[in-house]
Amino acid sequence: MSYKLMFAAGLTAVLLAGCTQNIRPTDVDRAVIGAGTGYVVQKVAGKDNSDRLAGAAIGAAGGALCDDVGLCQ
């Protein structure tokens, strides 16, 4: 998989991880949402299981940290 596609998938996972309007999610909630989003994005774009797990890890980290950097408040 190209690095551009992997970067785009990771960035998408990070941005979608904050889509929890009006429910006051915790860091764990956002991490779970981010992991699921990252997994699905990588499953669609990836070729093997390691790509999907990497997408889930990137999404989980992005979801847990998005409020700390001001992306999802």
PDB file of N, CA and C in Angstrom:
ATOM      1  N   MET A   1       0.847  -1.174   0.000  1.00  0.00           N
ATOM      2  CA  MET A   1       0.000   0.000   0.000  1.00  0.00           C
ATOM      3  C   MET A   1       0.890   1.235   0.000  1.00  0.00           C
ATOM      4  N   SER A   2       0.493   2.234  -0.750  1.00  0.00           N
ATOM      5  CA  SER A   2       1.294   3.451  -0.821  1.00  0.00           C
ATOM      6  C   SER A   2       1.191   4.229   0.492  1.00  0.00           C
ATOM      7  N   TYR A   3       2.233   4.986   0.740  1.00  0.00           N
ATOM      8  CA  TYR A   3       2.252   5.779   1.969  1.00  0.00           C
ATOM      9  C   TYR A   3       1.199   6.878   1.947  1.00  0.00           C
ATOM     10  N   LYS A   4       0.908   7.402   0.762  1.00  0.00           N
ATOM     11  CA  LYS A   4      -0.122   8.436   0.672  1.00  0.00           C
ATOM     12  C   LYS A   4      -1.485   7.899   1.076  1.00  0.00           C
ATOM     13  N   LEU A   5      -1.800   6.694   0.609  1.00  0.00           N
ATOM     14  CA  LEU A   5      -3.083   6.103   0.964  1.00  0.00           C
ATOM     15  C   LEU A   5      -3.129   5.767   2.449  1.00  0.00           C
ATOM     16  N   MET A   6      -2.026   5.272   2.984  1.00  0.00           N
ATOM     17  CA  MET A   6      -1.971   4.945   4.407  1.00  0.00           C
ATOM     18  C   MET A   6      -2.108   6.206   5.261  1.00  0.00           C
ATOM     19  N   PHE A   7      -1.449   7.289   4.843  1.00  0.00           N
ATOM     20  CA  PHE A   7      -1.564   8.552   5.560  1.00  0.00           C
ATOM     21  C   PHE A   7      -2.985   9.090   5.492  1.00  0.00           C
ATOM     22  N   ALA A   8      -3.592   9.018   4.312  1.00  0.00           N
ATOM     23  CA  ALA A   8      -4.962   9.500   4.158  1.00  0.00           C
ATOM     24  C   ALA A   8      -5.934   8.693   5.005  1.00  0.00           C
ATOM     25  N   ALA A   9      -5.742   7.375   5.049  1.00  0.00           N
ATOM     26  CA  ALA A   9      -6.609   6.532   5.869  1.00  0.00           C
ATOM     27  C   ALA A   9      -6.434   6.859   7.351  1.00  0.00           C
ATOM     28  N   GLY A  10      -5.209   7.055   7.770  1.00  0.00           N
ATOM     29  CA  GLY A  10      -4.957   7.406   9.169  1.00  0.00           C
ATOM     30  C   GLY A  10      -5.538   8.754   9.536  1.00  0.00           C
ATOM     31  N   LEU A  11      -5.378   9.714   8.650  1.00  0.00           N
ATOM     32  CA  LEU A  11      -5.927  11.038   8.903  1.00  0.00           C
ATOM     33  C   LEU A  11      -7.447  10.996   8.955  1.00  0.00           C
ATOM     34  N   THR A  12      -8.047  10.232   8.069  1.00  0.00           N
ATOM     35  CA  THR A  12      -9.498  10.074   8.079  1.00  0.00           C
ATOM     36  C   THR A  12      -9.967   9.445   9.379  1.00  0.00           C
ATOM     37  N   ALA A  13      -9.244   8.435   9.836  1.00  0.00           N
ATOM     38  CA  ALA A  13      -9.602   7.781  11.093  1.00  0.00           C
ATOM     39  C   ALA A  13      -9.523   8.751  12.265  1.00  0.00           C
ATOM     40  N   VAL A  14      -8.487   9.582  12.268  1.00  0.00           N
ATOM     41  CA  VAL A  14      -8.338  10.561  13.351  1.00  0.00           C
ATOM     42  C   VAL A  14      -9.491  11.564  13.325  1.00  0.00           C
ATOM     43  N   LEU A  15      -9.830  12.059  12.146  1.00  0.00           N
ATOM     44  CA  LEU A  15     -10.893  13.058  12.061  1.00  0.00           C
ATOM     45  C   LEU A  15     -12.267  12.470  12.367  1.00  0.00           C
ATOM     46  N   LEU A  16     -12.523  11.255  11.920  1.00  0.00           N
ATOM     47  CA  LEU A  16     -13.822  10.638  12.187  1.00  0.00           C
ATOM     48  C   LEU A  16     -13.966  10.167  13.630  1.00  0.00           C
ATOM     49  N   ALA A  17     -12.862   9.988  14.306  1.00  0.00           N
ATOM     50  CA  ALA A  17     -12.921   9.520  15.687  1.00  0.00           C
ATOM     51  C   ALA A  17     -13.599  10.534  16.608  1.00  0.00           C
ATOM     52  N   GLY A  18     -13.618  11.790  16.220  1.00  0.00           N
ATOM     53  CA  GLY A  18     -14.228  12.816  17.057  1.00  0.00           C
ATOM     54  C   GLY A  18     -15.700  13.040  16.785  1.00  0.00           C
ATOM     55  N   CYS A  19     -16.310  12.224  15.964  1.00  0.00           N
ATOM     56  CA  CYS A  19     -17.718  12.416  15.598  1.00  0.00           C
ATOM     57  C   CYS A  19     -18.651  11.885  16.683  1.00  0.00           C
ATOM     58  N   THR A  20     -18.649  12.529  17.806  1.00  0.00           N
ATOM     59  CA  THR A  20     -19.489  12.107  18.931  1.00  0.00           C
ATOM     60  C   THR A  20     -20.168  13.333  19.521  1.00  0.00           C
ATOM     61  N   GLN A  21     -20.902  14.032  18.708  1.00  0.00           N
ATOM     62  CA  GLN A  21     -21.519  15.271  19.152  1.00  0.00           C
ATOM     63  C   GLN A  21     -22.629  15.005  20.165  1.00  0.00           C
ATOM     64  N   ASN A  22     -22.666  15.844  21.164  1.00  0.00           N
ATOM     65  CA  ASN A  22     -23.734  15.889  22.165  1.00  0.00           C
ATOM     66  C   ASN A  22     -23.845  14.663  23.057  1.00  0.00           C
ATOM     67  N   ILE A  23     -22.814  13.828  23.153  1.00  0.00           N
ATOM     68  CA  ILE A  23     -22.917  12.698  24.079  1.00  0.00           C
ATOM     69  C   ILE A  23     -21.840  12.731  25.159  1.00  0.00           C
ATOM     70  N   ARG A  24     -20.975  13.723  25.160  1.00  0.00           N
ATOM     71  CA  ARG A  24     -19.924  13.880  26.165  1.00  0.00           C
ATOM     72  C   ARG A  24     -19.119  12.596  26.354  1.00  0.00           C
ATOM     73  N   PRO A  25     -18.427  12.136  25.318  1.00  0.00           N
ATOM     74  CA  PRO A  25     -17.682  10.887  25.423  1.00  0.00           C
ATOM     75  C   PRO A  25     -16.403  11.044  26.237  1.00  0.00           C
ATOM     76  N   THR A  26     -15.961   9.956  26.815  1.00  0.00           N
ATOM     77  CA  THR A  26     -14.679   9.939  27.515  1.00  0.00           C
ATOM     78  C   THR A  26     -13.586   9.595  26.511  1.00  0.00           C
ATOM     79  N   ASP A  27     -12.333   9.615  26.977  1.00  0.00           N
ATOM     80  CA  ASP A  27     -11.223   9.241  26.101  1.00  0.00           C
ATOM     81  C   ASP A  27     -11.365   7.798  25.627  1.00  0.00           C
ATOM     82  N   VAL A  28     -11.862   6.931  26.486  1.00  0.00           N
ATOM     83  CA  VAL A  28     -12.038   5.518  26.110  1.00  0.00           C
ATOM     84  C   VAL A  28     -13.100   5.385  25.024  1.00  0.00           C
ATOM     85  N   ASP A  29     -14.194   6.119  25.162  1.00  0.00           N
ATOM     86  CA  ASP A  29     -15.244   6.083  24.131  1.00  0.00           C
ATOM     87  C   ASP A  29     -14.688   6.515  22.780  1.00  0.00           C
ATOM     88  N   ARG A  30     -13.950   7.629  22.776  1.00  0.00           N
ATOM     89  CA  ARG A  30     -13.381   8.119  21.518  1.00  0.00           C
ATOM     90  C   ARG A  30     -12.343   7.155  20.968  1.00  0.00           C
ATOM     91  N   ALA A  31     -11.580   6.502  21.841  1.00  0.00           N
ATOM     92  CA  ALA A  31     -10.580   5.530  21.377  1.00  0.00           C
ATOM     93  C   ALA A  31     -11.251   4.334  20.710  1.00  0.00           C
ATOM     94  N   VAL A  32     -12.354   3.862  21.289  1.00  0.00           N
ATOM     95  CA  VAL A  32     -13.082   2.732  20.696  1.00  0.00           C
ATOM     96  C   VAL A  32     -13.670   3.120  19.341  1.00  0.00           C
ATOM     97  N   ILE A  33     -14.259   4.301  19.268  1.00  0.00           N
ATOM     98  CA  ILE A  33     -14.810   4.776  18.002  1.00  0.00           C
ATOM     99  C   ILE A  33     -13.691   4.940  16.967  1.00  0.00           C
ATOM    100  N   GLY A  34     -12.579   5.501  17.393  1.00  0.00           N
ATOM    101  CA  GLY A  34     -11.449   5.681  16.485  1.00  0.00           C
ATOM    102  C   GLY A  34     -10.869   4.367  16.011  1.00  0.00           C
ATOM    103  N   ALA A  35     -10.778   3.398  16.908  1.00  0.00           N
ATOM    104  CA  ALA A  35     -10.253   2.081  16.521  1.00  0.00           C
ATOM    105  C   ALA A  35     -11.166   1.415  15.503  1.00  0.00           C
ATOM    106  N   GLY A  36     -12.459   1.491  15.731  1.00  0.00           N
ATOM    107  CA  GLY A  36     -13.406   0.919  14.776  1.00  0.00           C
ATOM    108  C   GLY A  36     -13.345   1.604  13.429  1.00  0.00           C
ATOM    109  N   THR A  37     -13.258   2.917  13.447  1.00  0.00           N
ATOM    110  CA  THR A  37     -13.172   3.675  12.205  1.00  0.00           C
ATOM    111  C   THR A  37     -11.883   3.362  11.462  1.00  0.00           C
ATOM    112  N   GLY A  38     -10.777   3.342  12.186  1.00  0.00           N
ATOM    113  CA  GLY A  38      -9.490   3.031  11.563  1.00  0.00           C
ATOM    114  C   GLY A  38      -9.456   1.635  10.982  1.00  0.00           C
ATOM    115  N   TYR A  39     -10.063   0.689  11.681  1.00  0.00           N
ATOM    116  CA  TYR A  39     -10.107  -0.689  11.188  1.00  0.00           C
ATOM    117  C   TYR A  39     -10.896  -0.776   9.882  1.00  0.00           C
ATOM    118  N   VAL A  40     -12.046  -0.130   9.861  1.00  0.00           N
ATOM    119  CA  VAL A  40     -12.888  -0.180   8.658  1.00  0.00           C
ATOM    120  C   VAL A  40     -12.209   0.516   7.484  1.00  0.00           C
ATOM    121  N   VAL A  41     -11.596   1.662   7.725  1.00  0.00           N
ATOM    122  CA  VAL A  41     -10.911   2.378   6.651  1.00  0.00           C
ATOM    123  C   VAL A  41      -9.788   1.513   6.086  1.00  0.00           C
ATOM    124  N   GLN A  42      -9.014   0.888   6.948  1.00  0.00           N
ATOM    125  CA  GLN A  42      -7.922   0.048   6.481  1.00  0.00           C
ATOM    126  C   GLN A  42      -8.426  -1.246   5.848  1.00  0.00           C
ATOM    127  N   LYS A  43      -9.553  -1.748   6.297  1.00  0.00           N
ATOM    128  CA  LYS A  43     -10.107  -2.951   5.683  1.00  0.00           C
ATOM    129  C   LYS A  43     -10.527  -2.656   4.252  1.00  0.00           C
ATOM    130  N   VAL A  44     -11.090  -1.494   4.036  1.00  0.00           N
ATOM    131  CA  VAL A  44     -11.494  -1.106   2.687  1.00  0.00           C
ATOM    132  C   VAL A  44     -10.266  -0.845   1.815  1.00  0.00           C
ATOM    133  N   ALA A  45      -9.257  -0.183   2.360  1.00  0.00           N
ATOM    134  CA  ALA A  45      -8.094   0.215   1.573  1.00  0.00           C
ATOM    135  C   ALA A  45      -6.931  -0.773   1.641  1.00  0.00           C
ATOM    136  N   GLY A  46      -6.869  -1.594   2.697  1.00  0.00           N
ATOM    137  CA  GLY A  46      -5.713  -2.443   2.923  1.00  0.00           C
ATOM    138  C   GLY A  46      -5.777  -3.785   2.236  1.00  0.00           C
ATOM    139  N   LYS A  47      -4.667  -4.541   2.379  1.00  0.00           N
ATOM    140  CA  LYS A  47      -4.562  -5.832   1.727  1.00  0.00           C
ATOM    141  C   LYS A  47      -4.427  -7.002   2.696  1.00  0.00           C
ATOM    142  N   ASP A  48      -3.984  -6.755   3.920  1.00  0.00           N
ATOM    143  CA  ASP A  48      -3.839  -7.853   4.870  1.00  0.00           C
ATOM    144  C   ASP A  48      -4.162  -7.392   6.287  1.00  0.00           C
ATOM    145  N   ASN A  49      -4.117  -8.311   7.220  1.00  0.00           N
ATOM    146  CA  ASN A  49      -4.535  -8.012   8.595  1.00  0.00           C
ATOM    147  C   ASN A  49      -3.661  -6.973   9.278  1.00  0.00           C
ATOM    148  N   SER A  50      -2.372  -6.928   8.962  1.00  0.00           N
ATOM    149  CA  SER A  50      -1.513  -5.960   9.634  1.00  0.00           C
ATOM    150  C   SER A  50      -1.919  -4.536   9.298  1.00  0.00           C
ATOM    151  N   ASP A  51      -2.393  -4.309   8.067  1.00  0.00           N
ATOM    152  CA  ASP A  51      -2.879  -2.984   7.713  1.00  0.00           C
ATOM    153  C   ASP A  51      -4.101  -2.603   8.545  1.00  0.00           C
ATOM    154  N   ARG A  52      -4.980  -3.558   8.771  1.00  0.00           N
ATOM    155  CA  ARG A  52      -6.196  -3.275   9.547  1.00  0.00           C
ATOM    156  C   ARG A  52      -5.868  -2.987  11.004  1.00  0.00           C
ATOM    157  N   LEU A  53      -4.939  -3.742  11.559  1.00  0.00           N
ATOM    158  CA  LEU A  53      -4.555  -3.506  12.951  1.00  0.00           C
ATOM    159  C   LEU A  53      -3.836  -2.175  13.106  1.00  0.00           C
ATOM    160  N   ALA A  54      -3.030  -1.814  12.129  1.00  0.00           N
ATOM    161  CA  ALA A  54      -2.365  -0.508  12.174  1.00  0.00           C
ATOM    162  C   ALA A  54      -3.396   0.613  12.098  1.00  0.00           C
ATOM    163  N   GLY A  55      -4.397   0.452  11.253  1.00  0.00           N
ATOM    164  CA  GLY A  55      -5.456   1.456  11.163  1.00  0.00           C
ATOM    165  C   GLY A  55      -6.231   1.584  12.459  1.00  0.00           C
ATOM    166  N   ALA A  56      -6.494   0.450  13.097  1.00  0.00           N
ATOM    167  CA  ALA A  56      -7.195   0.477  14.386  1.00  0.00           C
ATOM    168  C   ALA A  56      -6.348   1.165  15.445  1.00  0.00           C
ATOM    169  N   ALA A  57      -5.053   0.897  15.449  1.00  0.00           N
ATOM    170  CA  ALA A  57      -4.166   1.526  16.436  1.00  0.00           C
ATOM    171  C   ALA A  57      -4.076   3.029  16.217  1.00  0.00           C
ATOM    172  N   ILE A  58      -3.943   3.442  14.970  1.00  0.00           N
ATOM    173  CA  ILE A  58      -3.879   4.874  14.660  1.00  0.00           C
ATOM    174  C   ILE A  58      -5.195   5.556  15.030  1.00  0.00           C
ATOM    175  N   GLY A  59      -6.313   4.910  14.701  1.00  0.00           N
ATOM    176  CA  GLY A  59      -7.618   5.479  15.038  1.00  0.00           C
ATOM    177  C   GLY A  59      -7.855   5.579  16.531  1.00  0.00           C
ATOM    178  N   ALA A  60      -7.428   4.560  17.272  1.00  0.00           N
ATOM    179  CA  ALA A  60      -7.592   4.579  18.729  1.00  0.00           C
ATOM    180  C   ALA A  60      -6.771   5.704  19.345  1.00  0.00           C
ATOM    181  N   ALA A  61      -5.548   5.847  18.897  1.00  0.00           N
ATOM    182  CA  ALA A  61      -4.698   6.921  19.426  1.00  0.00           C
ATOM    183  C   ALA A  61      -5.277   8.290  19.055  1.00  0.00           C
ATOM    184  N   GLY A  62      -5.717   8.424  17.822  1.00  0.00           N
ATOM    185  CA  GLY A  62      -6.311   9.692  17.402  1.00  0.00           C
ATOM    186  C   GLY A  62      -7.574  10.018  18.163  1.00  0.00           C
ATOM    187  N   GLY A  63      -8.409   9.005  18.378  1.00  0.00           N
ATOM    188  CA  GLY A  63      -9.643   9.228  19.119  1.00  0.00           C
ATOM    189  C   GLY A  63      -9.396   9.614  20.563  1.00  0.00           C
ATOM    190  N   ALA A  64      -8.440   8.945  21.193  1.00  0.00           N
ATOM    191  CA  ALA A  64      -8.158   9.230  22.604  1.00  0.00           C
ATOM    192  C   ALA A  64      -7.521  10.600  22.788  1.00  0.00           C
ATOM    193  N   LEU A  65      -6.762  11.043  21.808  1.00  0.00           N
ATOM    194  CA  LEU A  65      -6.013  12.293  21.961  1.00  0.00           C
ATOM    195  C   LEU A  65      -6.622  13.486  21.238  1.00  0.00           C
ATOM    196  N   CYS A  66      -7.716  13.288  20.505  1.00  0.00           N
ATOM    197  CA  CYS A  66      -8.238  14.389  19.688  1.00  0.00           C
ATOM    198  C   CYS A  66      -8.696  15.576  20.530  1.00  0.00           C
ATOM    199  N   ASP A  67      -9.240  15.343  21.714  1.00  0.00           N
ATOM    200  CA  ASP A  67      -9.667  16.481  22.532  1.00  0.00           C
ATOM    201  C   ASP A  67      -8.472  17.194  23.157  1.00  0.00           C
ATOM    202  N   ASP A  68      -7.365  16.491  23.350  1.00  0.00           N
ATOM    203  CA  ASP A  68      -6.180  17.118  23.924  1.00  0.00           C
ATOM    204  C   ASP A  68      -5.531  18.117  22.978  1.00  0.00           C
ATOM    205  N   VAL A  69      -5.707  17.908  21.690  1.00  0.00           N
ATOM    206  CA  VAL A  69      -5.128  18.835  20.706  1.00  0.00           C
ATOM    207  C   VAL A  69      -6.182  19.769  20.124  1.00  0.00           C
ATOM    208  N   GLY A  70      -7.423  19.669  20.582  1.00  0.00           N
ATOM    209  CA  GLY A  70      -8.469  20.599  20.188  1.00  0.00           C
ATOM    210  C   GLY A  70      -9.218  20.263  18.921  1.00  0.00           C
ATOM    211  N   LEU A  71      -9.137  19.014  18.444  1.00  0.00           N
ATOM    212  CA  LEU A  71      -9.877  18.622  17.236  1.00  0.00           C
ATOM    213  C   LEU A  71     -11.323  18.302  17.516  1.00  0.00           C
ATOM    214  N   CYS A  72     -11.625  17.747  18.675  1.00  0.00           N
ATOM    215  CA  CYS A  72     -13.010  17.358  18.971  1.00  0.00           C
ATOM    216  C   CYS A  72     -13.346  17.832  20.381  1.00  0.00           C
ATOM    217  N   GLN A  73     -14.032  18.929  20.448  1.00  0.00           N
ATOM    218  CA  GLN A  73     -14.380  19.469  21.765  1.00  0.00           C
ATOM    219  C   GLN A  73     -15.863  19.652  21.877  1.00  0.00           C
TER     220      GLN A  73
END
